[in-house]
Protein backbone atom coordinates (compact mmCIF):
# COMPACT_ATOMS: atom_id res chain seq x y z
CA MET A 1 -1.40 -75.36 -9.61
CA GLY A 2 -3.97 -78.16 -9.65
CA TYR A 3 -3.14 -79.80 -13.00
CA GLY A 4 -6.51 -78.92 -14.53
CA ARG A 5 -8.63 -79.24 -11.42
CA ASP A 6 -9.16 -77.31 -8.20
CA MET A 7 -6.68 -79.09 -5.96
CA ARG A 8 -7.90 -77.26 -2.86
CA ALA A 9 -11.44 -78.56 -3.40
CA TYR A 10 -10.13 -82.05 -4.12
CA ALA A 11 -8.03 -82.08 -0.96
CA SER A 12 -10.88 -80.71 1.13
CA ALA A 13 -13.24 -83.40 -0.18
CA HIS A 14 -10.83 -86.12 0.95
CA ARG A 15 -10.04 -84.57 4.34
CA ASN A 16 -12.50 -86.69 6.32
CA MET A 17 -11.27 -89.88 4.65
CA VAL A 18 -7.74 -89.21 5.89
CA ILE A 19 -8.98 -88.39 9.40
CA ARG A 20 -11.12 -91.54 9.50
CA ASN A 21 -8.31 -93.87 8.41
CA ASP A 22 -5.50 -92.24 10.38
CA THR A 23 -7.20 -91.81 13.77
CA ILE A 24 -5.85 -94.09 16.50
CA SER A 25 -7.63 -94.07 19.85
CA ASP A 26 -5.95 -93.10 23.12
CA GLU A 27 -7.00 -96.48 24.51
CA LEU A 28 -4.78 -98.31 22.01
CA TYR A 29 -1.77 -96.20 23.02
CA GLN A 30 -2.42 -97.21 26.62
CA GLU A 31 -2.99 -100.87 25.70
CA TYR A 32 0.33 -101.13 23.89
CA ASP A 33 2.12 -98.90 26.46
CA VAL A 34 3.28 -96.48 23.77
CA LYS A 35 4.67 -93.26 25.22
CA ARG A 36 3.33 -90.47 23.04
CA GLY A 37 5.91 -87.79 22.39
CA LEU A 38 8.50 -90.25 23.78
CA ARG A 39 7.52 -89.18 27.30
CA ASP A 40 5.49 -90.92 29.99
CA ILE A 41 2.62 -89.31 31.88
CA ASN A 42 5.07 -87.93 34.47
CA GLY A 43 7.19 -86.26 31.81
CA LYS A 44 10.07 -88.74 31.95
CA GLY A 45 11.59 -89.21 28.50
CA VAL A 46 12.36 -92.46 26.71
CA VAL A 47 16.15 -92.90 26.72
CA THR A 48 17.49 -92.95 23.14
CA GLY A 49 21.18 -92.15 23.60
CA LEU A 50 24.08 -90.94 25.70
CA THR A 51 25.68 -87.49 25.62
CA ASN A 52 28.61 -85.69 27.22
CA ILE A 53 27.46 -82.23 26.11
CA SER A 54 24.85 -81.13 28.63
CA GLU A 55 22.64 -82.26 31.48
CA ILE A 56 19.25 -81.21 32.82
CA TYR A 57 18.10 -81.86 36.38
CA SER A 58 14.44 -81.49 37.25
CA PHE A 59 13.87 -84.34 39.73
CA LYS A 60 15.84 -85.93 42.56
CA ASP A 61 15.61 -89.34 44.20
CA GLN A 62 14.32 -89.15 47.75
CA ASP A 63 13.56 -92.30 49.75
CA GLY A 64 13.27 -94.27 46.53
CA LYS A 65 10.85 -91.80 44.98
CA ARG A 66 11.32 -89.36 42.11
CA VAL A 67 10.63 -85.93 43.60
CA PRO A 68 10.43 -82.62 41.63
CA CYS A 69 13.20 -80.14 42.44
CA ASP A 70 14.56 -76.80 41.24
CA GLY A 71 15.82 -77.19 37.70
CA GLU A 72 19.52 -77.15 36.81
CA LEU A 73 21.22 -76.92 33.42
CA TRP A 74 24.84 -77.88 32.81
CA TYR A 75 27.05 -77.34 29.75
CA ARG A 76 30.00 -79.77 29.50
CA GLY A 77 30.04 -80.20 33.29
CA TYR A 78 29.66 -76.52 34.18
CA ASN A 79 26.51 -75.13 35.79
CA ILE A 80 24.88 -72.56 33.49
CA ARG A 81 24.55 -70.16 36.44
CA ASP A 82 28.32 -70.13 36.90
CA LEU A 83 28.95 -69.78 33.17
CA VAL A 84 26.60 -66.84 32.75
CA ARG A 85 27.97 -65.20 35.90
CA LYS A 86 31.51 -65.51 34.52
CA TYR A 87 30.89 -64.53 30.90
CA SER A 88 28.19 -61.89 31.37
CA LYS A 89 31.07 -59.62 32.43
CA ALA A 90 32.79 -60.20 29.09
CA ARG A 91 31.69 -59.02 25.64
CA PHE A 92 31.87 -62.43 23.99
CA GLY A 93 29.89 -64.73 26.28
CA TYR A 94 28.13 -66.56 23.47
CA GLU A 95 31.37 -67.12 21.58
CA ASN A 96 33.17 -68.55 24.63
CA LEU A 97 30.32 -70.96 25.34
CA THR A 98 30.20 -71.97 21.67
CA TYR A 99 33.86 -73.00 21.99
CA LEU A 100 32.96 -74.95 25.14
CA LEU A 101 30.06 -76.81 23.51
CA VAL A 102 31.80 -77.62 20.24
CA PHE A 103 35.25 -78.57 21.59
CA GLY A 104 34.31 -79.70 25.10
CA GLU A 105 36.61 -77.39 27.06
CA LEU A 106 36.54 -73.77 28.19
CA PRO A 107 38.95 -71.65 26.17
CA ASP A 108 41.81 -69.82 27.80
CA ARG A 109 42.44 -66.20 26.77
CA LEU A 110 44.49 -67.07 23.68
CA ASP A 111 42.08 -69.83 22.59
CA ALA A 112 39.16 -67.41 22.91
CA GLU A 113 40.91 -64.68 20.94
CA ASP A 114 41.82 -67.08 18.15
CA PHE A 115 38.31 -68.56 18.04
CA ILE A 116 36.60 -65.15 17.96
CA HIS A 117 38.98 -64.07 15.18
CA MET A 118 38.17 -67.20 13.15
CA LEU A 119 34.41 -66.52 13.47
CA ALA A 120 34.96 -62.88 12.45
CA ILE A 121 36.88 -63.65 9.26
CA THR A 122 34.34 -66.36 8.39
CA ARG A 123 31.39 -63.99 8.84
CA ASP A 124 30.99 -63.45 5.11
CA LEU A 125 28.52 -64.68 2.47
CA PRO A 126 29.43 -65.63 -1.12
CA THR A 127 29.47 -62.83 -3.70
CA ASN A 128 25.94 -61.63 -4.54
CA PHE A 129 24.41 -64.27 -2.20
CA THR A 130 22.34 -61.65 -0.36
CA ARG A 131 20.95 -60.29 -3.65
CA ASP A 132 20.50 -63.54 -5.57
CA VAL A 133 19.30 -65.85 -2.79
CA ILE A 134 17.98 -63.94 0.21
CA MET A 135 16.28 -61.06 -1.63
CA LYS A 136 14.94 -63.06 -4.56
CA ALA A 137 12.05 -64.58 -2.57
CA PRO A 138 11.29 -62.37 0.45
CA THR A 139 8.93 -63.87 2.99
CA ARG A 140 7.61 -63.13 6.45
CA ASP A 141 8.68 -66.66 7.40
CA ILE A 142 12.32 -65.87 8.16
CA MET A 143 12.96 -69.44 9.32
CA ASN A 144 12.00 -70.74 5.87
CA SER A 145 14.20 -68.12 4.25
CA MET A 146 17.14 -69.13 6.43
CA THR A 147 16.58 -72.82 5.69
CA ARG A 148 16.61 -72.09 1.95
CA SER A 149 19.84 -70.12 2.38
CA ILE A 150 21.47 -72.95 4.35
CA LEU A 151 20.70 -75.48 1.63
CA THR A 152 21.88 -73.07 -1.07
CA LEU A 153 25.20 -72.51 0.74
CA ALA A 154 25.90 -76.20 0.17
CA SER A 155 26.24 -75.51 -3.54
CA TYR A 156 29.11 -73.10 -2.80
CA ASP A 157 31.01 -75.73 -0.79
CA VAL A 158 33.05 -78.15 -2.91
CA ASP A 159 33.30 -80.46 0.13
CA ALA A 160 29.63 -80.21 1.09
CA GLN A 161 29.08 -83.98 1.30
CA ILE A 162 32.23 -84.88 3.24
CA THR A 163 31.45 -85.86 6.85
CA ASP A 164 35.03 -86.03 8.12
CA ILE A 165 35.27 -84.46 11.60
CA GLY A 166 37.57 -81.64 10.48
CA ASN A 167 35.32 -80.76 7.56
CA VAL A 168 32.18 -80.80 9.73
CA ILE A 169 33.87 -78.50 12.26
CA ARG A 170 34.69 -76.08 9.41
CA GLN A 171 31.14 -76.20 8.05
CA SER A 172 29.59 -75.82 11.50
CA LEU A 173 31.68 -72.78 12.42
CA ASN A 174 30.96 -71.21 9.02
CA LEU A 175 27.23 -71.56 9.60
CA ILE A 176 27.48 -70.32 13.21
CA ALA A 177 29.28 -67.22 11.89
CA VAL A 178 26.79 -66.35 9.12
CA PHE A 179 23.51 -67.29 10.84
CA PRO A 180 22.92 -63.70 12.10
CA MET A 181 23.37 -62.38 8.55
CA LEU A 182 20.96 -64.96 7.10
CA ALA A 183 18.32 -63.93 9.65
CA ILE A 184 18.71 -60.15 9.67
CA TYR A 185 19.10 -59.75 5.90
CA ALA A 186 16.05 -61.98 5.32
CA TYR A 187 14.05 -59.72 7.62
CA HIS A 188 15.19 -56.56 5.81
CA ALA A 189 14.22 -58.08 2.46
CA TYR A 190 10.76 -58.94 3.78
CA ASN A 191 10.36 -55.53 5.45
CA HIS A 192 11.30 -53.74 2.22
CA TYR A 193 9.36 -55.75 -0.36
CA GLU A 194 6.34 -56.76 1.73
CA ASN A 195 6.01 -53.87 4.21
CA LEU A 196 7.30 -51.25 1.74
CA GLN A 197 9.85 -49.92 4.25
CA SER A 198 13.34 -48.57 3.57
CA MET A 199 16.07 -51.04 2.65
CA TYR A 200 19.46 -50.99 4.38
CA ILE A 201 22.07 -53.72 4.64
CA HIS A 202 24.80 -53.20 7.24
CA ARG A 203 27.84 -55.42 7.16
CA PRO A 204 28.91 -56.96 10.51
CA GLU A 205 32.07 -55.63 12.12
CA ASP A 206 34.95 -57.96 12.97
CA ASN A 207 35.60 -56.46 16.40
CA LEU A 208 32.01 -56.89 17.62
CA SER A 209 30.37 -59.87 19.28
CA THR A 210 27.50 -61.86 17.78
CA ALA A 211 25.00 -60.03 20.00
CA GLU A 212 26.44 -56.63 19.11
CA ASN A 213 26.42 -57.39 15.39
CA ILE A 214 22.79 -58.54 15.52
CA LEU A 215 21.77 -55.15 16.93
CA LEU A 216 24.09 -53.28 14.55
CA MET A 217 22.74 -55.04 11.45
CA LEU A 218 19.13 -54.73 12.55
CA ARG A 219 18.97 -51.01 13.34
CA PRO A 220 19.00 -48.19 10.78
CA ASP A 221 21.42 -46.10 12.86
CA ARG A 222 23.58 -49.12 13.89
CA ASN A 223 23.50 -47.88 17.50
CA PHE A 224 22.93 -49.92 20.67
CA THR A 225 23.75 -49.63 24.38
CA GLU A 226 26.02 -51.85 26.43
CA VAL A 227 23.06 -53.09 28.49
CA GLU A 228 21.16 -54.05 25.34
CA ALA A 229 24.10 -56.06 24.02
CA LYS A 230 24.69 -57.73 27.40
CA VAL A 231 21.06 -58.81 27.71
CA LEU A 232 20.95 -60.20 24.16
CA ASP A 233 24.26 -62.01 24.76
CA ALA A 234 22.79 -63.56 27.93
CA CYS A 235 19.75 -64.64 25.93
CA LEU A 236 21.96 -66.38 23.37
CA MET A 237 23.94 -68.14 26.13
CA LEU A 238 20.78 -69.45 27.77
CA HIS A 239 19.23 -70.70 24.52
CA MET A 240 22.25 -72.31 22.85
CA GLU A 241 21.90 -75.84 24.27
CA HIS A 242 19.28 -77.86 26.11
CA GLY A 243 20.12 -81.54 26.05
CA GLY A 244 19.86 -84.12 23.30
CA GLY A 245 16.16 -84.76 23.79
CA ASN A 246 14.64 -81.47 22.66
CA ASN A 247 12.94 -81.80 19.29
CA SER A 248 15.38 -79.92 17.07
CA THR A 249 18.51 -81.40 18.66
CA PHE A 250 17.06 -84.90 18.43
CA THR A 251 16.30 -84.15 14.78
CA THR A 252 19.96 -83.16 14.34
CA ARG A 253 21.12 -86.48 15.72
CA VAL A 254 18.59 -88.53 13.74
CA VAL A 255 19.55 -86.92 10.42
CA THR A 256 23.26 -87.11 11.28
CA SER A 257 22.88 -90.84 12.00
CA ALA A 258 21.66 -91.30 8.42
CA GLY A 259 25.00 -89.96 7.14
CA SER A 260 23.56 -86.71 5.79
CA ASP A 261 25.70 -83.63 5.17
CA THR A 262 25.94 -80.67 7.55
CA TYR A 263 23.74 -78.35 5.48
CA ALA A 264 20.88 -80.86 5.19
CA THR A 265 21.17 -81.68 8.89
CA ILE A 266 21.01 -78.07 10.07
CA ALA A 267 18.15 -77.38 7.63
CA ALA A 268 16.23 -80.26 9.22
CA ALA A 269 16.89 -78.85 12.69
CA MET A 270 15.59 -75.47 11.53
CA SER A 271 12.40 -77.08 10.27
CA SER A 272 11.87 -78.60 13.69
CA LEU A 273 12.66 -75.44 15.65
CA LYS A 274 10.22 -73.27 13.67
CA GLY A 275 7.25 -75.25 14.99
CA PRO A 276 5.05 -73.29 17.43
CA ARG A 277 5.37 -76.13 19.96
CA HIS A 278 9.13 -75.64 20.01
CA GLY A 279 10.87 -72.40 19.02
CA GLY A 280 7.78 -70.30 18.39
CA ALA A 281 6.51 -70.37 21.98
CA ASN A 282 7.70 -66.87 22.96
CA ILE A 283 5.53 -65.30 20.25
CA LYS A 284 2.44 -66.90 21.83
CA VAL A 285 3.51 -65.48 25.22
CA MET A 286 3.69 -61.98 23.72
CA GLU A 287 0.29 -62.32 22.07
CA MET A 288 -1.21 -63.61 25.32
CA MET A 289 0.28 -60.76 27.35
CA ASP A 290 -1.08 -58.22 24.84
CA ASN A 291 -4.48 -59.85 25.33
CA ILE A 292 -4.19 -59.64 29.14
CA ARG A 293 -3.22 -55.97 28.98
CA SER A 294 -6.26 -55.18 26.87
CA HIS A 295 -8.71 -57.01 29.15
CA VAL A 296 -7.34 -56.28 32.64
CA SER A 297 -7.92 -52.67 33.63
CA ASP A 298 -5.84 -52.67 36.84
CA TRP A 299 -2.55 -54.55 36.43
CA THR A 300 -1.80 -54.16 40.15
CA ASP A 301 -5.00 -55.92 41.28
CA ASP A 302 -4.22 -59.56 42.07
CA SER A 303 -7.86 -60.61 42.03
CA GLU A 304 -8.52 -59.08 38.61
CA VAL A 305 -5.41 -60.63 37.08
CA ARG A 306 -6.20 -63.98 38.72
CA SER A 307 -9.75 -63.88 37.40
CA TYR A 308 -8.59 -63.39 33.83
CA LEU A 309 -5.93 -66.10 34.12
CA ASP A 310 -8.71 -68.42 35.27
CA LYS A 311 -10.61 -67.61 32.07
CA LEU A 312 -7.50 -68.51 30.07
CA VAL A 313 -7.20 -71.88 31.81
CA MET A 314 -10.89 -72.61 31.30
CA GLY A 315 -10.61 -71.85 27.59
CA GLU A 316 -12.85 -68.80 27.83
CA ALA A 317 -10.34 -66.15 26.71
CA PHE A 318 -7.54 -65.37 24.24
CA ASP A 319 -7.17 -68.33 21.81
CA ARG A 320 -9.38 -70.60 23.95
CA THR A 321 -6.82 -73.39 24.12
CA GLY A 322 -6.86 -73.50 27.92
CA LEU A 323 -3.15 -72.68 28.03
CA ILE A 324 -1.21 -70.00 29.85
CA TYR A 325 1.76 -69.70 27.53
CA GLY A 326 5.23 -69.56 29.07
CA MET A 327 4.09 -71.69 32.00
CA GLY A 328 5.34 -75.25 32.39
CA HIS A 329 8.01 -77.20 30.56
CA ALA A 330 8.36 -80.72 29.16
CA VAL A 331 11.34 -81.39 31.44
CA TYR A 332 11.49 -78.85 34.28
CA SER A 333 9.11 -79.11 37.21
CA VAL A 334 9.65 -76.67 40.09
CA SER A 335 11.66 -74.11 38.12
CA ASP A 336 13.45 -73.43 34.84
CA PRO A 337 17.00 -72.28 35.74
CA ARG A 338 17.25 -70.28 32.51
CA GLU A 339 14.20 -68.20 33.46
CA ARG A 340 15.59 -67.47 36.93
CA ILE A 341 18.93 -66.34 35.50
CA PHE A 342 17.32 -64.36 32.71
CA LYS A 343 14.99 -62.43 34.99
CA SER A 344 17.84 -60.36 36.46
CA PHE A 345 18.86 -59.25 32.97
CA VAL A 346 15.23 -58.46 32.16
CA SER A 347 15.08 -56.16 35.17
CA GLN A 348 18.18 -54.26 34.03
CA LEU A 349 16.76 -53.71 30.56
CA ALA A 350 13.28 -52.78 31.82
CA SER A 351 14.88 -50.13 34.04
CA GLU A 352 16.87 -48.69 31.12
CA LYS A 353 13.80 -48.68 28.86
CA GLY A 354 11.35 -47.31 31.47
CA MET A 355 9.15 -50.42 31.25
CA GLU A 356 9.06 -51.36 34.93
CA LYS A 357 5.25 -51.32 34.95
CA GLU A 358 5.05 -53.98 32.24
CA LEU A 359 7.64 -56.03 34.11
CA GLU A 360 5.42 -55.87 37.21
CA LEU A 361 2.57 -57.39 35.21
CA TYR A 362 4.83 -60.21 34.02
CA SER A 363 5.92 -60.82 37.62
CA LYS A 364 2.31 -60.93 38.77
CA VAL A 365 1.36 -63.44 36.08
CA GLU A 366 4.46 -65.46 36.98
CA LYS A 367 3.30 -65.62 40.61
CA LEU A 368 -0.42 -66.24 40.05
CA ALA A 369 -0.48 -68.52 37.00
CA PRO A 370 0.86 -71.67 38.76
CA GLU A 371 -1.76 -71.23 41.50
CA VAL A 372 -4.58 -70.87 38.96
CA ILE A 373 -3.40 -73.86 36.91
CA ALA A 374 -3.06 -76.03 40.03
CA SER A 375 -6.62 -75.14 41.07
CA ARG A 376 -8.03 -76.29 37.73
CA ARG A 377 -5.74 -79.10 36.59
CA HIS A 378 -4.30 -82.29 38.04
CA ILE A 379 -0.56 -81.54 38.09
CA TYR A 380 1.82 -84.48 37.64
CA LYS A 381 4.83 -82.27 38.18
CA GLY A 382 5.36 -78.66 39.15
CA VAL A 383 4.31 -75.73 36.97
CA SER A 384 6.68 -72.78 36.70
CA PRO A 385 7.58 -70.12 34.12
CA ASN A 386 9.98 -71.22 31.41
CA VAL A 387 12.60 -69.14 29.59
CA ASP A 388 10.12 -68.25 26.84
CA PHE A 389 7.98 -66.37 29.35
CA TYR A 390 10.42 -63.44 29.42
CA SER A 391 12.37 -63.79 26.15
CA GLY A 392 9.63 -62.25 24.00
CA PHE A 393 9.38 -59.30 26.40
CA VAL A 394 13.14 -58.79 26.11
CA TYR A 395 12.99 -58.86 22.31
CA LYS A 396 10.21 -56.30 22.44
CA MET A 397 12.32 -53.98 24.63
CA LEU A 398 15.20 -54.44 22.17
CA ASP A 399 12.89 -53.38 19.31
CA ILE A 400 13.36 -56.76 17.65
CA PRO A 401 10.40 -57.56 15.35
CA LYS A 402 8.35 -60.70 16.07
CA GLU A 403 9.41 -62.21 12.76
CA LEU A 404 12.93 -62.56 14.23
CA TYR A 405 12.04 -64.12 17.59
CA THR A 406 12.46 -67.74 16.49
CA PRO A 407 15.42 -66.97 14.15
CA ILE A 408 17.33 -65.51 17.12
CA PHE A 409 16.61 -68.75 18.98
CA ALA A 410 18.16 -70.54 15.99
CA ILE A 411 21.21 -68.24 16.02
CA ALA A 412 21.81 -69.38 19.60
CA ARG A 413 20.87 -73.05 19.22
CA ILE A 414 23.04 -73.84 16.20
CA ALA A 415 25.96 -74.03 18.62
CA GLY A 416 24.27 -76.89 20.45
CA TRP A 417 23.18 -78.56 17.21
CA SER A 418 26.77 -78.47 15.96
CA ALA A 419 28.08 -80.04 19.17
CA HIS A 420 25.52 -82.85 19.02
CA ARG A 421 26.19 -83.47 15.32
CA LEU A 422 29.90 -83.87 16.03
CA GLU A 423 29.25 -86.14 19.01
CA GLU A 424 26.93 -88.29 16.91
CA ILE A 425 29.52 -88.61 14.12
CA VAL A 426 32.33 -89.49 16.56
CA GLY A 427 30.26 -92.20 18.25
CA MET A 428 28.14 -93.15 15.25
CA GLY A 429 27.09 -96.77 15.33
CA LYS A 430 23.70 -97.24 13.75
CA ILE A 431 21.13 -95.18 11.95
CA MET A 432 18.36 -94.20 14.38
CA ARG A 433 15.31 -96.25 13.50
CA PRO A 434 12.69 -96.60 16.26
CA SER A 435 9.83 -99.06 15.86
CA TYR A 436 6.09 -98.55 15.51
CA ILE A 437 3.45 -101.13 16.40
CA SER A 438 1.09 -101.69 13.49
CA ILE A 439 -2.61 -101.96 14.28
CA MET A 440 -3.50 -102.31 10.59
CA GLU A 441 -6.12 -104.93 9.71
CA GLU A 442 -5.41 -107.08 6.65
CA ARG A 443 -7.82 -106.73 3.75
CA THR A 444 -8.60 -108.72 0.63
């Protein structure tokens, strides 16, 4: 594929030229007061819009100063703690919160029943789509497979390009309904053709929730426990929305502002989420914890665990990046409310699975890591575990393969993407087009 020459060698030979001409010093960013990553040194984001969908609190004003505080997350005016407490007792927590995010109000009993029924009857792919699209090019990268499927679904929609509110609602709910199928079937295709394992395709059942159908479609025997479904449902509720400023949601709004169709917009969001700095973080936590388990002989010894965490921070262990994955967040300071809520569900599942000892190690790392980081780094805001710290552990206990960790994040987050796309269309004024300062020197 090099048109008569070795393209890899050609590209490699020109690598240093690109680096030389594209490198911009940190000093210039400071000179022009450019906030890299659209955030200042204290983690405060550049304001690019207004939203009525969600809110994140991580600081409070105290005597005229911005002081870190326990994090809070709100969906449409409701605290996520209250929402999870209310809907964790129901079977369809994720579905009820999807209604809330998309339409802006909590559903009553009849609204919820009608909405759940609409998702159920929409949970269907075009004839032979699984065979002709998903299985034709199996890949370990399930996010890429899903993105290809999303774009292909546009060709089955005669109104794919229409951005009328009613049409976008229809398209969004259709995608929300089939996302679990796109993910699970893509994994089974990869597992069969690449790992040479048995192939089985289970159809979702109309009377089951999204969380229940994920477990049903994934497992050979279609069986799951109530606790397993409840914990996965809680995971979906906690991951489905996180403000307009996270990378994939901002991508959704940027592409929507250009007038693009729903399929292209959600495909763009998927491309953002798959990045290891965004949706792939829980995989790095799992790999790090595996590394800790193999190098720390006594998991109950604080000093031994602390010593190894210090090696991680100093770049002397694991991937030598100097990071303790799952610790810290771009927005939260003292605590991530999603992690605090999630931990109670983690405990329930660990008890059912007999994995209390592993949970104790996670708890010990959770306690010691902020102390180790603070002793080695200048902290501008608090350091605390984020929701990714435990989500990978939960997926492991649910026997969910690593290839599906980020896709499950996407299954949850498409609800938030859809809400932000609709809000952007309703209030659309201008295409988003930020400015860059050019430091180019003119040449003759």
